[in-house]
PDB file of N, CA and C in Angstrom:
ATOM      1  N   UNK A   1       4.749  -8.139  -3.455  1.00  0.00           N
ATOM      2  CA  UNK A   1       3.791  -6.248  -4.484  1.00  0.00           C
ATOM      3  C   UNK A   1       4.439  -7.899  -5.581  1.00  0.00           C
ATOM      4  N   UNK A   2       3.617  -8.534  -6.121  1.00  0.00           N
ATOM      5  CA  UNK A   2       3.125  -9.111  -7.068  1.00  0.00           C
ATOM      6  C   UNK A   2       4.543  -9.376  -8.880  1.00  0.00           C
ATOM      7  N   UNK A   3       4.785 -10.519  -9.238  1.00  0.00           N
ATOM      8  CA  UNK A   3       5.731  -9.468 -10.248  1.00  0.00           C
ATOM      9  C   UNK A   3       4.292  -9.089 -11.501  1.00  0.00           C
ATOM     10  N   UNK A   4       3.421  -8.930 -11.450  1.00  0.00           N
ATOM     11  CA  UNK A   4       2.776  -7.530 -12.752  1.00  0.00           C
ATOM     12  C   UNK A   4       2.967  -6.130 -12.414  1.00  0.00           C
ATOM     13  N   UNK A   5       2.892  -5.979 -10.687  1.00  0.00           N
ATOM     14  CA  UNK A   5       2.555  -5.383 -10.258  1.00  0.00           C
ATOM     15  C   UNK A   5       3.926  -4.236 -10.401  1.00  0.00           C
ATOM     16  N   UNK A   6       4.871  -4.741 -10.287  1.00  0.00           N
ATOM     17  CA  UNK A   6       5.981  -4.581 -10.845  1.00  0.00           C
ATOM     18  C   UNK A   6       6.580  -3.416 -12.194  1.00  0.00           C
ATOM     19  N   UNK A   7       6.320  -4.035 -12.530  1.00  0.00           N
ATOM     20  CA  UNK A   7       5.555  -3.353 -14.223  1.00  0.00           C
ATOM     21  C   UNK A   7       5.816  -2.016 -14.435  1.00  0.00           C
ATOM     22  N   UNK A   8       6.679  -1.175 -14.386  1.00  0.00           N
ATOM     23  CA  UNK A   8       6.749  -0.084 -14.569  1.00  0.00           C
ATOM     24  C   UNK A   8       4.950   0.657 -15.227  1.00  0.00           C
ATOM     25  N   UNK A   9       4.606   0.159 -16.329  1.00  0.00           N
ATOM     26  CA  UNK A   9       3.658   0.568 -17.150  1.00  0.00           C
ATOM     27  C   UNK A   9       1.889  -0.072 -16.004  1.00  0.00           C
ATOM     28  N   UNK A  10       1.895  -1.115 -15.163  1.00  0.00           N
ATOM     29  CA  UNK A  10       0.936  -0.837 -13.956  1.00  0.00           C
ATOM     30  C   UNK A  10       0.616   0.407 -13.190  1.00  0.00           C
ATOM     31  N   UNK A  11      -0.516   0.706 -13.696  1.00  0.00           N
ATOM     32  CA  UNK A  11      -0.471   2.140 -12.808  1.00  0.00           C
ATOM     33  C   UNK A  11      -1.138   1.831 -11.185  1.00  0.00           C
ATOM     34  N   UNK A  12      -0.732   0.516 -10.703  1.00  0.00           N
ATOM     35  CA  UNK A  12      -0.796   0.079  -9.345  1.00  0.00           C
ATOM     36  C   UNK A  12       0.304  -0.110  -8.955  1.00  0.00           C
ATOM     37  N   UNK A  13       1.484   0.463  -9.937  1.00  0.00           N
ATOM     38  CA  UNK A  13       3.396   0.122  -9.329  1.00  0.00           C
ATOM     39  C   UNK A  13       3.457   1.610  -8.438  1.00  0.00           C
ATOM     40  N   UNK A  14       4.036   0.469  -7.564  1.00  0.00           N
ATOM     41  CA  UNK A  14       4.591   2.311  -6.617  1.00  0.00           C
ATOM     42  C   UNK A  14       3.309   2.465  -5.423  1.00  0.00           C
ATOM     43  N   UNK A  15       2.448   2.043  -6.064  1.00  0.00           N
ATOM     44  CA  UNK A  15       0.952   3.040  -4.770  1.00  0.00           C
ATOM     45  C   UNK A  15       0.647   1.372  -4.329  1.00  0.00           C
ATOM     46  N   UNK A  16       0.955   1.985  -2.353  1.00  0.00           N
ATOM     47  CA  UNK A  16       0.093   1.256  -0.857  1.00  0.00           C
ATOM     48  C   UNK A  16      -1.031   0.941  -1.185  1.00  0.00           C
ATOM     49  N   UNK A  17      -0.469  -0.217  -0.823  1.00  0.00           N
ATOM     50  CA  UNK A  17      -2.147  -0.858  -0.721  1.00  0.00           C
ATOM     51  C   UNK A  17      -3.031  -0.533   0.467  1.00  0.00           C
ATOM     52  N   UNK A  18      -2.234   0.433   1.582  1.00  0.00           N
ATOM     53  CA  UNK A  18      -2.269   1.414   2.461  1.00  0.00           C
ATOM     54  C   UNK A  18      -3.430   3.053   0.919  1.00  0.00           C
ATOM     55  N   UNK A  19      -3.076   3.384   0.514  1.00  0.00           N
ATOM     56  CA  UNK A  19      -2.792   4.914  -0.638  1.00  0.00           C
ATOM     57  C   UNK A  19      -4.386   4.580  -0.758  1.00  0.00           C
ATOM     58  N   UNK A  20      -4.000   3.422  -1.613  1.00  0.00           N
ATOM     59  CA  UNK A  20      -5.661   2.902  -2.309  1.00  0.00           C
ATOM     60  C   UNK A  20      -7.346   2.326  -1.712  1.00  0.00           C
ATOM     61  N   UNK A  21      -6.564   1.777  -0.595  1.00  0.00           N
ATOM     62  CA  UNK A  21      -7.256   1.674   0.698  1.00  0.00           C
ATOM     63  C   UNK A  21      -8.380   3.284   1.442  1.00  0.00           C
ATOM     64  N   UNK A  22      -7.078   3.638   2.049  1.00  0.00           N
ATOM     65  CA  UNK A  22      -7.810   5.796   1.854  1.00  0.00           C
ATOM     66  C   UNK A  22      -8.090   6.097   1.180  1.00  0.00           C
ATOM     67  N   UNK A  23      -7.600   5.725   0.022  1.00  0.00           N
ATOM     68  CA  UNK A  23      -8.514   7.329  -1.357  1.00  0.00           C
ATOM     69  C   UNK A  23     -10.382   6.088  -2.161  1.00  0.00           C
ATOM     70  N   UNK A  24     -10.154   4.983  -1.616  1.00  0.00           N
ATOM     71  CA  UNK A  24     -11.253   4.617  -1.968  1.00  0.00           C
ATOM     72  C   UNK A  24     -12.071   5.139  -0.235  1.00  0.00           C
ATOM     73  N   UNK A  25     -11.950   4.803   0.804  1.00  0.00           N
ATOM     74  CA  UNK A  25     -12.694   5.603   2.270  1.00  0.00           C
ATOM     75  C   UNK A  25     -13.052   6.868   2.331  1.00  0.00           C
ATOM     76  N   UNK A  26     -11.951   7.403   1.391  1.00  0.00           N
ATOM     77  CA  UNK A  26     -12.530   8.413   0.944  1.00  0.00           C
ATOM     78  C   UNK A  26     -13.178   9.096  -0.412  1.00  0.00           C
ATOM     79  N   UNK A  27     -13.587   8.137  -0.967  1.00  0.00           N
ATOM     80  CA  UNK A  27     -14.260   8.056  -2.278  1.00  0.00           C
ATOM     81  C   UNK A  27     -15.391   7.435  -2.065  1.00  0.00           C
ATOM     82  N   UNK A  28     -16.256   7.043  -1.325  1.00  0.00           N
ATOM     83  CA  UNK A  28     -17.419   5.667  -0.918  1.00  0.00           C
ATOM     84  C   UNK A  28     -17.520   5.516   0.345  1.00  0.00           C
ATOM     85  N   UNK A  29     -16.322   5.931   1.460  1.00  0.00           N
ATOM     86  CA  UNK A  29     -16.924   5.281   2.603  1.00  0.00           C
ATOM     87  C   UNK A  29     -16.968   4.489   2.655  1.00  0.00           C
ATOM     88  N   UNK A  30     -17.438   3.702   3.615  1.00  0.00           N
ATOM     89  CA  UNK A  30     -16.846   1.561   4.256  1.00  0.00           C
ATOM     90  C   UNK A  30     -17.586   1.510   4.104  1.00  0.00           C
ATOM     91  N   UNK A  31     -19.295   1.580   4.115  1.00  0.00           N
ATOM     92  CA  UNK A  31     -21.161   1.370   4.199  1.00  0.00           C
ATOM     93  C   UNK A  31     -20.797   1.031   2.185  1.00  0.00           C
ATOM     94  N   UNK A  32     -20.857   2.194   1.928  1.00  0.00           N
ATOM     95  CA  UNK A  32     -20.724   2.081   0.161  1.00  0.00           C
ATOM     96  C   UNK A  32     -19.744   0.996  -0.219  1.00  0.00           C
ATOM     97  N   UNK A  33     -18.390   1.118   0.342  1.00  0.00           N
ATOM     98  CA  UNK A  33     -16.942  -0.133   0.262  1.00  0.00           C
ATOM     99  C   UNK A  33     -18.118  -1.129   0.242  1.00  0.00           C
ATOM    100  N   UNK A  34     -18.523  -1.805   1.211  1.00  0.00           N
ATOM    101  CA  UNK A  34     -19.261  -3.433   1.791  1.00  0.00           C
ATOM    102  C   UNK A  34     -20.557  -3.221   0.588  1.00  0.00           C
ATOM    103  N   UNK A  35     -21.007  -2.264   0.243  1.00  0.00           N
ATOM    104  CA  UNK A  35     -22.086  -2.474  -0.937  1.00  0.00           C
ATOM    105  C   UNK A  35     -21.486  -2.986  -1.972  1.00  0.00           C
ATOM    106  N   UNK A  36     -20.429  -2.828  -2.268  1.00  0.00           N
ATOM    107  CA  UNK A  36     -19.679  -3.087  -2.947  1.00  0.00           C
ATOM    108  C   UNK A  36     -18.774  -4.245  -3.322  1.00  0.00           C
ATOM    109  N   UNK A  37     -17.889  -4.108  -2.320  1.00  0.00           N
ATOM    110  CA  UNK A  37     -16.977  -5.538  -1.833  1.00  0.00           C
ATOM    111  C   UNK A  37     -18.253  -6.315  -1.525  1.00  0.00           C
ATOM    112  N   UNK A  38     -18.726  -6.942  -0.897  1.00  0.00           N
ATOM    113  CA  UNK A  38     -19.151  -7.515   0.460  1.00  0.00           C
ATOM    114  C   UNK A  38     -17.927  -8.040   0.639  1.00  0.00           C
ATOM    115  N   UNK A  39     -17.353  -7.942   2.248  1.00  0.00           N
ATOM    116  CA  UNK A  39     -16.038  -8.670   2.918  1.00  0.00           C
ATOM    117  C   UNK A  39     -16.819  -7.927   3.941  1.00  0.00           C
ATOM    118  N   UNK A  40     -16.320  -8.915   5.334  1.00  0.00           N
ATOM    119  CA  UNK A  40     -16.944  -8.312   6.511  1.00  0.00           C
ATOM    120  C   UNK A  40     -15.939  -6.259   7.614  1.00  0.00           C
ATOM    121  N   UNK A  41     -14.747  -6.939   6.496  1.00  0.00           N
ATOM    122  CA  UNK A  41     -14.321  -5.824   7.417  1.00  0.00           C
ATOM    123  C   UNK A  41     -14.278  -4.884   7.462  1.00  0.00           C
ATOM    124  N   UNK A  42     -15.502  -4.805   5.989  1.00  0.00           N
ATOM    125  CA  UNK A  42     -15.380  -2.954   5.700  1.00  0.00           C
ATOM    126  C   UNK A  42     -17.249  -2.912   6.203  1.00  0.00           C
ATOM    127  N   UNK A  43     -18.419  -4.144   6.381  1.00  0.00           N
ATOM    128  CA  UNK A  43     -18.578  -4.369   7.152  1.00  0.00           C
ATOM    129  C   UNK A  43     -19.114  -3.893   8.970  1.00  0.00           C
ATOM    130  N   UNK A  44     -18.176  -4.472   9.090  1.00  0.00           N
ATOM    131  CA  UNK A  44     -18.715  -4.785  10.837  1.00  0.00           C
ATOM    132  C   UNK A  44     -18.131  -4.109  11.446  1.00  0.00           C
ATOM    133  N   UNK A  45     -18.347  -2.584  11.907  1.00  0.00           N
ATOM    134  CA  UNK A  45     -16.860  -1.616  13.092  1.00  0.00           C
ATOM    135  C   UNK A  45     -15.391  -1.937  11.855  1.00  0.00           C
ATOM    136  N   UNK A  46     -15.572  -0.965  10.423  1.00  0.00           N
ATOM    137  CA  UNK A  46     -14.786  -0.983  10.097  1.00  0.00           C
ATOM    138  C   UNK A  46     -13.338  -0.184  10.547  1.00  0.00           C
ATOM    139  N   UNK A  47     -12.080  -0.970  10.414  1.00  0.00           N
ATOM    140  CA  UNK A  47     -11.051   0.405  10.402  1.00  0.00           C
ATOM    141  C   UNK A  47     -10.153   0.098   9.425  1.00  0.00           C
ATOM    142  N   UNK A  48      -9.323   1.372   8.812  1.00  0.00           N
ATOM    143  CA  UNK A  48      -8.045   1.430   7.346  1.00  0.00           C
ATOM    144  C   UNK A  48      -7.367  -0.359   8.155  1.00  0.00           C
ATOM    145  N   UNK A  49      -6.853   0.261   9.607  1.00  0.00           N
ATOM    146  CA  UNK A  49      -5.804  -0.496   9.906  1.00  0.00           C
ATOM    147  C   UNK A  49      -6.515  -2.069   9.918  1.00  0.00           C
ATOM    148  N   UNK A  50      -7.701  -2.563  10.206  1.00  0.00           N
ATOM    149  CA  UNK A  50      -8.299  -3.753  10.429  1.00  0.00           C
ATOM    150  C   UNK A  50      -8.095  -3.923   9.152  1.00  0.00           C
ATOM    151  N   UNK A  51      -8.634  -3.776   8.103  1.00  0.00           N
ATOM    152  CA  UNK A  51      -9.323  -4.197   6.205  1.00  0.00           C
ATOM    153  C   UNK A  51      -7.717  -4.315   6.187  1.00  0.00           C
ATOM    154  N   UNK A  52      -6.549  -3.097   6.259  1.00  0.00           N
ATOM    155  CA  UNK A  52      -5.242  -3.729   5.592  1.00  0.00           C
ATOM    156  C   UNK A  52      -4.662  -4.821   6.592  1.00  0.00           C
ATOM    157  N   UNK A  53      -4.865  -5.647   8.018  1.00  0.00           N
ATOM    158  CA  UNK A  53      -4.698  -6.632   8.277  1.00  0.00           C
ATOM    159  C   UNK A  53      -5.663  -8.027   6.680  1.00  0.00           C
ATOM    160  N   UNK A  54      -6.633  -7.034   7.197  1.00  0.00           N
ATOM    161  CA  UNK A  54      -7.488  -8.855   6.041  1.00  0.00           C
ATOM    162  C   UNK A  54      -6.792  -9.156   5.222  1.00  0.00           C
ATOM    163  N   UNK A  55      -6.755  -7.618   4.382  1.00  0.00           N
ATOM    164  CA  UNK A  55      -6.794  -7.257   2.510  1.00  0.00           C
ATOM    165  C   UNK A  55      -5.307  -8.447   3.092  1.00  0.00           C
ATOM    166  N   UNK A  56      -3.835  -7.531   3.867  1.00  0.00           N
ATOM    167  CA  UNK A  56      -2.626  -8.765   3.327  1.00  0.00           C
ATOM    168  C   UNK A  56      -3.203 -10.477   2.870  1.00  0.00           C
ATOM    169  N   UNK A  57      -3.519 -10.572   3.667  1.00  0.00           N
ATOM    170  CA  UNK A  57      -3.576 -11.829   4.154  1.00  0.00           C
ATOM    171  C   UNK A  57      -4.998 -12.794   2.890  1.00  0.00           C
ATOM    172  N   UNK A  58      -5.384 -11.501   1.926  1.00  0.00           N
ATOM    173  CA  UNK A  58      -6.713 -12.803   1.729  1.00  0.00           C
ATOM    174  C   UNK A  58      -6.762 -12.096  -0.402  1.00  0.00           C
ATOM    175  N   UNK A  59      -5.321 -12.570  -1.165  1.00  0.00           N
ATOM    176  CA  UNK A  59      -5.303 -11.843  -2.175  1.00  0.00           C
ATOM    177  C   UNK A  59      -6.919 -11.875  -2.904  1.00  0.00           C
ATOM    178  N   UNK A  60      -7.948 -12.453  -2.621  1.00  0.00           N
ATOM    179  CA  UNK A  60      -8.729 -12.685  -4.107  1.00  0.00           C
ATOM    180  C   UNK A  60      -9.656 -11.376  -3.285  1.00  0.00           C
ATOM    181  N   UNK A  61      -9.577 -10.832  -1.802  1.00  0.00           N
ATOM    182  CA  UNK A  61     -10.300  -9.287  -1.519  1.00  0.00           C
ATOM    183  C   UNK A  61      -9.141  -8.635  -2.032  1.00  0.00           C
ATOM    184  N   UNK A  62      -8.114  -8.700  -1.885  1.00  0.00           N
ATOM    185  CA  UNK A  62      -7.252  -7.028  -2.773  1.00  0.00           C
ATOM    186  C   UNK A  62      -7.339  -7.341  -4.144  1.00  0.00           C
ATOM    187  N   UNK A  63      -7.522  -8.137  -4.902  1.00  0.00           N
ATOM    188  CA  UNK A  63      -7.724  -7.968  -6.330  1.00  0.00           C
ATOM    189  C   UNK A  63      -8.973  -7.547  -5.964  1.00  0.00           C
ATOM    190  N   UNK A  64      -9.811  -7.864  -5.188  1.00  0.00           N
ATOM    191  CA  UNK A  64     -10.999  -6.668  -5.539  1.00  0.00           C
ATOM    192  C   UNK A  64     -10.676  -5.065  -5.079  1.00  0.00           C
ATOM    193  N   UNK A  65     -10.623  -5.596  -3.871  1.00  0.00           N
ATOM    194  CA  UNK A  65     -10.401  -3.977  -3.702  1.00  0.00           C
ATOM    195  C   UNK A  65      -9.579  -3.189  -4.500  1.00  0.00           C
ATOM    196  N   UNK A  66      -8.194  -3.671  -5.440  1.00  0.00           N
ATOM    197  CA  UNK A  66      -7.996  -2.796  -6.409  1.00  0.00           C
ATOM    198  C   UNK A  66      -7.753  -2.418  -8.208  1.00  0.00           C
ATOM    199  N   UNK A  67      -9.430  -4.038  -8.362  1.00  0.00           N
ATOM    200  CA  UNK A  67      -9.473  -3.391 -10.007  1.00  0.00           C
ATOM    201  C   UNK A  67     -11.101  -2.110  -8.944  1.00  0.00           C
ATOM    202  N   UNK A  68     -11.584  -1.730  -7.316  1.00  0.00           N
ATOM    203  CA  UNK A  68     -11.682  -1.666  -8.270  1.00  0.00           C
ATOM    204  C   UNK A  68     -11.029   0.133  -7.484  1.00  0.00           C
ATOM    205  N   UNK A  69     -10.269   0.726  -7.035  1.00  0.00           N
ATOM    206  CA  UNK A  69      -9.852   1.846  -7.432  1.00  0.00           C
ATOM    207  C   UNK A  69      -8.957   1.778  -8.710  1.00  0.00           C
ATOM    208  N   UNK A  70      -8.570   1.236  -9.349  1.00  0.00           N
ATOM    209  CA  UNK A  70      -7.937   2.127 -11.001  1.00  0.00           C
ATOM    210  C   UNK A  70      -9.141   2.423 -11.954  1.00  0.00           C
ATOM    211  N   UNK A  71     -10.997   1.392 -10.924  1.00  0.00           N
ATOM    212  CA  UNK A  71     -12.034   1.615 -12.258  1.00  0.00           C
ATOM    213  C   UNK A  71     -11.916   4.072 -11.464  1.00  0.00           C
ATOM    214  N   UNK A  72     -12.317   3.413  -9.972  1.00  0.00           N
ATOM    215  CA  UNK A  72     -12.289   4.374  -9.873  1.00  0.00           C
ATOM    216  C   UNK A  72     -11.530   5.643 -10.466  1.00  0.00           C
ATOM    217  N   UNK A  73     -10.298   5.560 -10.611  1.00  0.00           N
ATOM    218  CA  UNK A  73      -8.890   6.259 -11.041  1.00  0.00           C
ATOM    219  C   UNK A  73      -9.612   6.443 -12.091  1.00  0.00           C
ATOM    220  N   UNK A  74      -9.877   5.553 -13.011  1.00  0.00           N
ATOM    221  CA  UNK A  74      -9.826   5.996 -14.560  1.00  0.00           C
ATOM    222  C   UNK A  74     -11.988   7.125 -14.777  1.00  0.00           C
ATOM    223  N   UNK A  75     -11.875   6.654 -14.032  1.00  0.00           N
ATOM    224  CA  UNK A  75     -13.359   7.741 -14.477  1.00  0.00           C
ATOM    225  C   UNK A  75     -13.222   9.419 -13.297  1.00  0.00           C
ATOM    226  N   UNK A  76     -11.089   9.307 -13.249  1.00  0.00           N
ATOM    227  CA  UNK A  76     -11.408  11.099 -13.267  1.00  0.00           C
ATOM    228  C   UNK A  76     -11.412  11.651 -14.056  1.00  0.00           C
TER     229      UNK A  76
END
């Protein structure tokens, strides 16, 4: 977890990556996620577990997923 996310005022504080991804998949589905964020793990044979593995190793992709999640929760 980055120092920024440790800040209690950060809306991502205490939210697990798995929960973020599951919420996005529930809302958009993998097909739409792949359109919004062009990541291979969303486009070809997607699963939550394979996507989590990729996102944990790829900071730029994780950042894009977190940004989309924040956008989604701010629209509620």
